[in-house]
Amino acid sequence: MAVVDGCRATLAGSHSPAFEAAVRQDEHNAYAWLQLGLCQAANEKEMAAIAALQRAVREDPSGAEASLVRLPAVAAKGLRSDPA
């Protein structure tokens, strides 16, 4: 339910807290981590975005979308692009 709330909040423009709640509710939800990372990147919180997107990749290694989305944030900070 928290992910649905996060999606609704994204449409309303207040998305990050909803996805933060979603990952607290289910810390293994790769989709919620991905969405949280996207929200943080949109809010120019690069380090938090990278951490959330890395977590999305750890939770679902086949989730290529998270890996690809993470690259601009990594490049912006001049960090390594491999999740660790």
PDB file of N, CA and C in Angstrom:
ATOM      1  N   MET A   1       0.812  -1.194   0.000  1.00  0.00           N
ATOM      2  CA  MET A   1       0.000   0.000   0.000  1.00  0.00           C
ATOM      3  C   MET A   1       0.857   1.261   0.000  1.00  0.00           C
ATOM      4  N   ALA A   2       2.015   1.215   0.646  1.00  0.00           N
ATOM      5  CA  ALA A   2       2.870   2.397   0.710  1.00  0.00           C
ATOM      6  C   ALA A   2       3.385   2.795  -0.667  1.00  0.00           C
ATOM      7  N   VAL A   3       3.652   1.822  -1.531  1.00  0.00           N
ATOM      8  CA  VAL A   3       4.111   2.142  -2.885  1.00  0.00           C
ATOM      9  C   VAL A   3       2.995   2.840  -3.653  1.00  0.00           C
ATOM     10  N   VAL A   4       1.769   2.376  -3.498  1.00  0.00           N
ATOM     11  CA  VAL A   4       0.629   3.033  -4.145  1.00  0.00           C
ATOM     12  C   VAL A   4       0.522   4.473  -3.645  1.00  0.00           C
ATOM     13  N   ASP A   5       0.684   4.662  -2.337  1.00  0.00           N
ATOM     14  CA  ASP A   5       0.656   6.015  -1.781  1.00  0.00           C
ATOM     15  C   ASP A   5       1.767   6.863  -2.376  1.00  0.00           C
ATOM     16  N   GLY A   6       2.940   6.256  -2.558  1.00  0.00           N
ATOM     17  CA  GLY A   6       4.061   6.973  -3.157  1.00  0.00           C
ATOM     18  C   GLY A   6       3.763   7.397  -4.583  1.00  0.00           C
ATOM     19  N   CYS A   7       3.142   6.514  -5.345  1.00  0.00           N
ATOM     20  CA  CYS A   7       2.774   6.859  -6.720  1.00  0.00           C
ATOM     21  C   CYS A   7       1.757   7.988  -6.745  1.00  0.00           C
ATOM     22  N   ARG A   8       0.781   7.925  -5.858  1.00  0.00           N
ATOM     23  CA  ARG A   8      -0.214   9.013  -5.777  1.00  0.00           C
ATOM     24  C   ARG A   8       0.468  10.320  -5.383  1.00  0.00           C
ATOM     25  N   ALA A   9       1.382  10.252  -4.444  1.00  0.00           N
ATOM     26  CA  ALA A   9       2.079  11.453  -3.993  1.00  0.00           C
ATOM     27  C   ALA A   9       2.943  12.029  -5.102  1.00  0.00           C
ATOM     28  N   THR A  10       3.527  11.165  -5.925  1.00  0.00           N
ATOM     29  CA  THR A  10       4.333  11.641  -7.042  1.00  0.00           C
ATOM     30  C   THR A  10       3.479  12.483  -7.970  1.00  0.00           C
ATOM     31  N   LEU A  11       2.288  12.023  -8.233  1.00  0.00           N
ATOM     32  CA  LEU A  11       1.379  12.792  -9.086  1.00  0.00           C
ATOM     33  C   LEU A  11       1.016  14.121  -8.443  1.00  0.00           C
ATOM     34  N   ALA A  12       0.969  14.155  -7.123  1.00  0.00           N
ATOM     35  CA  ALA A  12       0.623  15.384  -6.403  1.00  0.00           C
ATOM     36  C   ALA A  12       1.834  16.274  -6.166  1.00  0.00           C
ATOM     37  N   GLY A  13       3.042  15.745  -6.401  1.00  0.00           N
ATOM     38  CA  GLY A  13       4.256  16.546  -6.256  1.00  0.00           C
ATOM     39  C   GLY A  13       4.958  16.421  -4.923  1.00  0.00           C
ATOM     40  N   SER A  14       4.511  15.556  -4.028  1.00  0.00           N
ATOM     41  CA  SER A  14       5.158  15.389  -2.720  1.00  0.00           C
ATOM     42  C   SER A  14       5.534  13.929  -2.520  1.00  0.00           C
ATOM     43  N   HIS A  15       6.388  13.440  -3.372  1.00  0.00           N
ATOM     44  CA  HIS A  15       6.641  12.015  -3.489  1.00  0.00           C
ATOM     45  C   HIS A  15       7.658  11.429  -2.525  1.00  0.00           C
ATOM     46  N   SER A  16       8.722  12.095  -2.231  1.00  0.00           N
ATOM     47  CA  SER A  16       9.818  11.498  -1.474  1.00  0.00           C
ATOM     48  C   SER A  16       9.405  10.910  -0.121  1.00  0.00           C
ATOM     49  N   PRO A  17       8.653  11.628   0.721  1.00  0.00           N
ATOM     50  CA  PRO A  17       8.275  11.027   2.009  1.00  0.00           C
ATOM     51  C   PRO A  17       7.450   9.749   1.855  1.00  0.00           C
ATOM     52  N   ALA A  18       6.632   9.694   0.830  1.00  0.00           N
ATOM     53  CA  ALA A  18       5.815   8.495   0.622  1.00  0.00           C
ATOM     54  C   ALA A  18       6.682   7.294   0.276  1.00  0.00           C
ATOM     55  N   PHE A  19       7.694   7.479  -0.558  1.00  0.00           N
ATOM     56  CA  PHE A  19       8.571   6.358  -0.892  1.00  0.00           C
ATOM     57  C   PHE A  19       9.511   6.024   0.266  1.00  0.00           C
ATOM     58  N   GLU A  20       9.869   7.020   1.077  1.00  0.00           N
ATOM     59  CA  GLU A  20      10.638   6.735   2.285  1.00  0.00           C
ATOM     60  C   GLU A  20       9.825   5.814   3.199  1.00  0.00           C
ATOM     61  N   ALA A  21       8.539   6.085   3.304  1.00  0.00           N
ATOM     62  CA  ALA A  21       7.656   5.225   4.101  1.00  0.00           C
ATOM     63  C   ALA A  21       7.559   3.836   3.479  1.00  0.00           C
ATOM     64  N   ALA A  22       7.525   3.782   2.164  1.00  0.00           N
ATOM     65  CA  ALA A  22       7.410   2.493   1.473  1.00  0.00           C
ATOM     66  C   ALA A  22       8.630   1.608   1.731  1.00  0.00           C
ATOM     67  N   VAL A  23       9.830   2.191   1.723  1.00  0.00           N
ATOM     68  CA  VAL A  23      11.013   1.363   1.961  1.00  0.00           C
ATOM     69  C   VAL A  23      11.149   0.996   3.436  1.00  0.00           C
ATOM     70  N   ARG A  24      10.589   1.816   4.323  1.00  0.00           N
ATOM     71  CA  ARG A  24      10.562   1.430   5.737  1.00  0.00           C
ATOM     72  C   ARG A  24       9.597   0.263   5.941  1.00  0.00           C
ATOM     73  N   GLN A  25       8.488   0.290   5.213  1.00  0.00           N
ATOM     74  CA  GLN A  25       7.484  -0.767   5.335  1.00  0.00           C
ATOM     75  C   GLN A  25       8.002  -2.086   4.757  1.00  0.00           C
ATOM     76  N   ASP A  26       8.712  -2.026   3.636  1.00  0.00           N
ATOM     77  CA  ASP A  26       9.251  -3.227   2.990  1.00  0.00           C
ATOM     78  C   ASP A  26      10.637  -2.895   2.462  1.00  0.00           C
ATOM     79  N   GLU A  27      11.646  -3.181   3.267  1.00  0.00           N
ATOM     80  CA  GLU A  27      13.013  -2.791   2.911  1.00  0.00           C
ATOM     81  C   GLU A  27      13.575  -3.576   1.728  1.00  0.00           C
ATOM     82  N   HIS A  28      12.866  -4.576   1.247  1.00  0.00           N
ATOM     83  CA  HIS A  28      13.334  -5.368   0.103  1.00  0.00           C
ATOM     84  C   HIS A  28      12.589  -5.016  -1.185  1.00  0.00           C
ATOM     85  N   ASN A  29      11.834  -3.933  -1.187  1.00  0.00           N
ATOM     86  CA  ASN A  29      11.041  -3.528  -2.338  1.00  0.00           C
ATOM     87  C   ASN A  29      11.910  -2.703  -3.291  1.00  0.00           C
ATOM     88  N   ALA A  30      12.428  -3.370  -4.311  1.00  0.00           N
ATOM     89  CA  ALA A  30      13.326  -2.710  -5.259  1.00  0.00           C
ATOM     90  C   ALA A  30      12.647  -1.545  -5.971  1.00  0.00           C
ATOM     91  N   TYR A  31      11.368  -1.706  -6.304  1.00  0.00           N
ATOM     92  CA  TYR A  31      10.643  -0.639  -6.991  1.00  0.00           C
ATOM     93  C   TYR A  31      10.559   0.616  -6.112  1.00  0.00           C
ATOM     94  N   ALA A  32      10.280   0.433  -4.837  1.00  0.00           N
ATOM     95  CA  ALA A  32      10.195   1.577  -3.933  1.00  0.00           C
ATOM     96  C   ALA A  32      11.553   2.261  -3.801  1.00  0.00           C
ATOM     97  N   TRP A  33      12.634   1.473  -3.706  1.00  0.00           N
ATOM     98  CA  TRP A  33      13.973   2.058  -3.641  1.00  0.00           C
ATOM     99  C   TRP A  33      14.289   2.834  -4.922  1.00  0.00           C
ATOM    100  N   LEU A  34      13.905   2.259  -6.062  1.00  0.00           N
ATOM    101  CA  LEU A  34      14.129   2.935  -7.337  1.00  0.00           C
ATOM    102  C   LEU A  34      13.385   4.269  -7.377  1.00  0.00           C
ATOM    103  N   GLN A  35      12.123   4.250  -7.005  1.00  0.00           N
ATOM    104  CA  GLN A  35      11.331   5.480  -7.039  1.00  0.00           C
ATOM    105  C   GLN A  35      11.869   6.517  -6.048  1.00  0.00           C
ATOM    106  N   LEU A  36      12.299   6.061  -4.872  1.00  0.00           N
ATOM    107  CA  LEU A  36      12.885   6.976  -3.898  1.00  0.00           C
ATOM    108  C   LEU A  36      14.148   7.613  -4.478  1.00  0.00           C
ATOM    109  N   GLY A  37      14.976   6.805  -5.119  1.00  0.00           N
ATOM    110  CA  GLY A  37      16.186   7.333  -5.742  1.00  0.00           C
ATOM    111  C   GLY A  37      15.891   8.358  -6.821  1.00  0.00           C
ATOM    112  N   LEU A  38      14.873   8.087  -7.622  1.00  0.00           N
ATOM    113  CA  LEU A  38      14.486   9.038  -8.668  1.00  0.00           C
ATOM    114  C   LEU A  38      13.999  10.349  -8.058  1.00  0.00           C
ATOM    115  N   CYS A  39      13.213  10.238  -6.990  1.00  0.00           N
ATOM    116  CA  CYS A  39      12.719  11.443  -6.303  1.00  0.00           C
ATOM    117  C   CYS A  39      13.886  12.253  -5.758  1.00  0.00           C
ATOM    118  N   GLN A  40      14.828  11.572  -5.130  1.00  0.00           N
ATOM    119  CA  GLN A  40      15.965  12.273  -4.544  1.00  0.00           C
ATOM    120  C   GLN A  40      16.840  12.907  -5.615  1.00  0.00           C
ATOM    121  N   ALA A  41      17.004  12.221  -6.727  1.00  0.00           N
ATOM    122  CA  ALA A  41      17.781  12.797  -7.827  1.00  0.00           C
ATOM    123  C   ALA A  41      17.088  14.036  -8.377  1.00  0.00           C
ATOM    124  N   ALA A  42      15.774  13.975  -8.497  1.00  0.00           N
ATOM    125  CA  ALA A  42      15.018  15.133  -8.986  1.00  0.00           C
ATOM    126  C   ALA A  42      15.138  16.315  -8.036  1.00  0.00           C
ATOM    127  N   ASN A  43      15.337  16.022  -6.754  1.00  0.00           N
ATOM    128  CA  ASN A  43      15.493  17.072  -5.742  1.00  0.00           C
ATOM    129  C   ASN A  43      16.958  17.445  -5.515  1.00  0.00           C
ATOM    130  N   GLU A  44      17.816  16.991  -6.428  1.00  0.00           N
ATOM    131  CA  GLU A  44      19.255  17.277  -6.395  1.00  0.00           C
ATOM    132  C   GLU A  44      19.930  16.792  -5.123  1.00  0.00           C
ATOM    133  N   LYS A  45      19.457  15.684  -4.593  1.00  0.00           N
ATOM    134  CA  LYS A  45      20.082  15.035  -3.440  1.00  0.00           C
ATOM    135  C   LYS A  45      20.854  13.830  -3.976  1.00  0.00           C
ATOM    136  N   GLU A  46      21.972  14.132  -4.657  1.00  0.00           N
ATOM    137  CA  GLU A  46      22.686  13.110  -5.405  1.00  0.00           C
ATOM    138  C   GLU A  46      23.166  11.945  -4.550  1.00  0.00           C
ATOM    139  N   MET A  47      23.733  12.235  -3.399  1.00  0.00           N
ATOM    140  CA  MET A  47      24.277  11.151  -2.565  1.00  0.00           C
ATOM    141  C   MET A  47      23.155  10.232  -2.070  1.00  0.00           C
ATOM    142  N   ALA A  48      22.045  10.806  -1.660  1.00  0.00           N
ATOM    143  CA  ALA A  48      20.906  10.001  -1.221  1.00  0.00           C
ATOM    144  C   ALA A  48      20.328   9.225  -2.401  1.00  0.00           C
ATOM    145  N   ALA A  49      20.296   9.849  -3.573  1.00  0.00           N
ATOM    146  CA  ALA A  49      19.789   9.178  -4.772  1.00  0.00           C
ATOM    147  C   ALA A  49      20.657   7.976  -5.122  1.00  0.00           C
ATOM    148  N   ILE A  50      21.966   8.174  -5.085  1.00  0.00           N
ATOM    149  CA  ILE A  50      22.889   7.080  -5.396  1.00  0.00           C
ATOM    150  C   ILE A  50      22.684   5.929  -4.422  1.00  0.00           C
ATOM    151  N   ALA A  51      22.583   6.239  -3.146  1.00  0.00           N
ATOM    152  CA  ALA A  51      22.404   5.188  -2.138  1.00  0.00           C
ATOM    153  C   ALA A  51      21.102   4.423  -2.369  1.00  0.00           C
ATOM    154  N   ALA A  52      20.016   5.129  -2.652  1.00  0.00           N
ATOM    155  CA  ALA A  52      18.731   4.469  -2.878  1.00  0.00           C
ATOM    156  C   ALA A  52      18.769   3.624  -4.142  1.00  0.00           C
ATOM    157  N   LEU A  53      19.384   4.141  -5.188  1.00  0.00           N
ATOM    158  CA  LEU A  53      19.451   3.387  -6.440  1.00  0.00           C
ATOM    159  C   LEU A  53      20.368   2.173  -6.313  1.00  0.00           C
ATOM    160  N   GLN A  54      21.449   2.308  -5.545  1.00  0.00           N
ATOM    161  CA  GLN A  54      22.296   1.149  -5.290  1.00  0.00           C
ATOM    162  C   GLN A  54      21.512   0.084  -4.537  1.00  0.00           C
ATOM    163  N   ARG A  55      20.701   0.508  -3.599  1.00  0.00           N
ATOM    164  CA  ARG A  55      19.883  -0.442  -2.844  1.00  0.00           C
ATOM    165  C   ARG A  55      18.876  -1.126  -3.770  1.00  0.00           C
ATOM    166  N   ALA A  56      18.311  -0.386  -4.703  1.00  0.00           N
ATOM    167  CA  ALA A  56      17.381  -0.973  -5.673  1.00  0.00           C
ATOM    168  C   ALA A  56      18.073  -2.068  -6.477  1.00  0.00           C
ATOM    169  N   VAL A  57      19.303  -1.811  -6.871  1.00  0.00           N
ATOM    170  CA  VAL A  57      20.070  -2.807  -7.634  1.00  0.00           C
ATOM    171  C   VAL A  57      20.373  -4.022  -6.765  1.00  0.00           C
ATOM    172  N   ARG A  58      20.728  -3.793  -5.498  1.00  0.00           N
ATOM    173  CA  ARG A  58      21.001  -4.929  -4.596  1.00  0.00           C
ATOM    174  C   ARG A  58      19.756  -5.778  -4.398  1.00  0.00           C
ATOM    175  N   GLU A  59      18.604  -5.133  -4.273  1.00  0.00           N
ATOM    176  CA  GLU A  59      17.366  -5.872  -4.043  1.00  0.00           C
ATOM    177  C   GLU A  59      16.899  -6.604  -5.294  1.00  0.00           C
ATOM    178  N   ASP A  60      17.205  -6.062  -6.457  1.00  0.00           N
ATOM    179  CA  ASP A  60      16.816  -6.706  -7.720  1.00  0.00           C
ATOM    180  C   ASP A  60      17.943  -6.497  -8.727  1.00  0.00           C
ATOM    181  N   PRO A  61      18.970  -7.366  -8.682  1.00  0.00           N
ATOM    182  CA  PRO A  61      20.126  -7.195  -9.567  1.00  0.00           C
ATOM    183  C   PRO A  61      19.769  -7.197 -11.049  1.00  0.00           C
ATOM    184  N   SER A  62      18.662  -7.781 -11.410  1.00  0.00           N
ATOM    185  CA  SER A  62      18.270  -7.778 -12.821  1.00  0.00           C
ATOM    186  C   SER A  62      17.567  -6.490 -13.209  1.00  0.00           C
ATOM    187  N   GLY A  63      17.368  -5.605 -12.255  1.00  0.00           N
ATOM    188  CA  GLY A  63      16.687  -4.330 -12.521  1.00  0.00           C
ATOM    189  C   GLY A  63      17.626  -3.359 -13.213  1.00  0.00           C
ATOM    190  N   ALA A  64      17.823  -3.560 -14.490  1.00  0.00           N
ATOM    191  CA  ALA A  64      18.753  -2.725 -15.252  1.00  0.00           C
ATOM    192  C   ALA A  64      18.356  -1.255 -15.206  1.00  0.00           C
ATOM    193  N   GLU A  65      17.072  -0.968 -15.069  1.00  0.00           N
ATOM    194  CA  GLU A  65      16.614   0.418 -15.044  1.00  0.00           C
ATOM    195  C   GLU A  65      17.291   1.198 -13.916  1.00  0.00           C
ATOM    196  N   ALA A  66      17.396   0.590 -12.749  1.00  0.00           N
ATOM    197  CA  ALA A  66      18.028   1.279 -11.620  1.00  0.00           C
ATOM    198  C   ALA A  66      19.494   1.552 -11.912  1.00  0.00           C
ATOM    199  N   SER A  67      20.165   0.598 -12.534  1.00  0.00           N
ATOM    200  CA  SER A  67      21.573   0.794 -12.857  1.00  0.00           C
ATOM    201  C   SER A  67      21.756   1.942 -13.840  1.00  0.00           C
ATOM    202  N   LEU A  68      20.916   1.987 -14.848  1.00  0.00           N
ATOM    203  CA  LEU A  68      21.030   3.034 -15.859  1.00  0.00           C
ATOM    204  C   LEU A  68      20.655   4.397 -15.317  1.00  0.00           C
ATOM    205  N   VAL A  69      19.636   4.451 -14.508  1.00  0.00           N
ATOM    206  CA  VAL A  69      19.178   5.720 -13.953  1.00  0.00           C
ATOM    207  C   VAL A  69      20.220   6.289 -13.005  1.00  0.00           C
ATOM    208  N   ARG A  70      20.949   5.431 -12.335  1.00  0.00           N
ATOM    209  CA  ARG A  70      21.923   5.857 -11.337  1.00  0.00           C
ATOM    210  C   ARG A  70      23.130   6.549 -11.960  1.00  0.00           C
ATOM    211  N   LEU A  71      23.441   6.249 -13.200  1.00  0.00           N
ATOM    212  CA  LEU A  71      24.670   6.750 -13.810  1.00  0.00           C
ATOM    213  C   LEU A  71      24.803   8.270 -13.817  1.00  0.00           C
ATOM    214  N   PRO A  72      23.782   9.051 -14.182  1.00  0.00           N
ATOM    215  CA  PRO A  72      23.964  10.510 -14.151  1.00  0.00           C
ATOM    216  C   PRO A  72      24.265  11.057 -12.761  1.00  0.00           C
ATOM    217  N   ALA A  73      23.640  10.498 -11.743  1.00  0.00           N
ATOM    218  CA  ALA A  73      23.911  10.966 -10.381  1.00  0.00           C
ATOM    219  C   ALA A  73      25.339  10.627  -9.981  1.00  0.00           C
ATOM    220  N   VAL A  74      25.784   9.442 -10.362  1.00  0.00           N
ATOM    221  CA  VAL A  74      27.160   9.034 -10.066  1.00  0.00           C
ATOM    222  C   VAL A  74      28.127   9.952 -10.796  1.00  0.00           C
ATOM    223  N   ALA A  75      27.858  10.205 -12.062  1.00  0.00           N
ATOM    224  CA  ALA A  75      28.737  11.067 -12.851  1.00  0.00           C
ATOM    225  C   ALA A  75      28.781  12.473 -12.278  1.00  0.00           C
ATOM    226  N   ALA A  76      27.659  12.957 -11.799  1.00  0.00           N
ATOM    227  CA  ALA A  76      27.602  14.316 -11.243  1.00  0.00           C
ATOM    228  C   ALA A  76      28.507  14.451 -10.022  1.00  0.00           C
ATOM    229  N   LYS A  77      28.655  13.381  -9.271  1.00  0.00           N
ATOM    230  CA  LYS A  77      29.481  13.404  -8.073  1.00  0.00           C
ATOM    231  C   LYS A  77      30.887  12.867  -8.329  1.00  0.00           C
ATOM    232  N   GLY A  78      31.148  12.376  -9.539  1.00  0.00           N
ATOM    233  CA  GLY A  78      32.461  11.845  -9.866  1.00  0.00           C
ATOM    234  C   GLY A  78      32.802  10.586  -9.090  1.00  0.00           C
ATOM    235  N   LEU A  79      31.796   9.764  -8.827  1.00  0.00           N
ATOM    236  CA  LEU A  79      31.992   8.546  -8.046  1.00  0.00           C
ATOM    237  C   LEU A  79      32.042   7.335  -8.947  1.00  0.00           C
ATOM    238  N   ARG A  80      32.497   6.226  -8.365  1.00  0.00           N
ATOM    239  CA  ARG A  80      32.477   4.961  -9.071  1.00  0.00           C
ATOM    240  C   ARG A  80      31.037   4.577  -9.356  1.00  0.00           C
ATOM    241  N   SER A  81      30.798   3.898 -10.466  1.00  0.00           N
ATOM    242  CA  SER A  81      29.433   3.540 -10.840  1.00  0.00           C
ATOM    243  C   SER A  81      29.056   2.131 -10.422  1.00  0.00           C
ATOM    244  N   ASP A  82      29.976   1.370  -9.810  1.00  0.00           N
ATOM    245  CA  ASP A  82      29.598   0.017  -9.405  1.00  0.00           C
ATOM    246  C   ASP A  82      28.956   0.028  -8.036  1.00  0.00           C
ATOM    247  N   PRO A  83      27.845  -0.738  -7.879  1.00  0.00           N
ATOM    248  CA  PRO A  83      27.211  -0.780  -6.560  1.00  0.00           C
ATOM    249  C   PRO A  83      28.078  -1.531  -5.571  1.00  0.00           C
ATOM    250  N   ALA A  84      28.162  -1.002  -4.362  1.00  0.00           N
ATOM    251  CA  ALA A  84      28.979  -1.688  -3.349  1.00  0.00           C
ATOM    252  C   ALA A  84      28.394  -1.438  -1.976  1.00  0.00           C
TER     253      ALA A  84
END
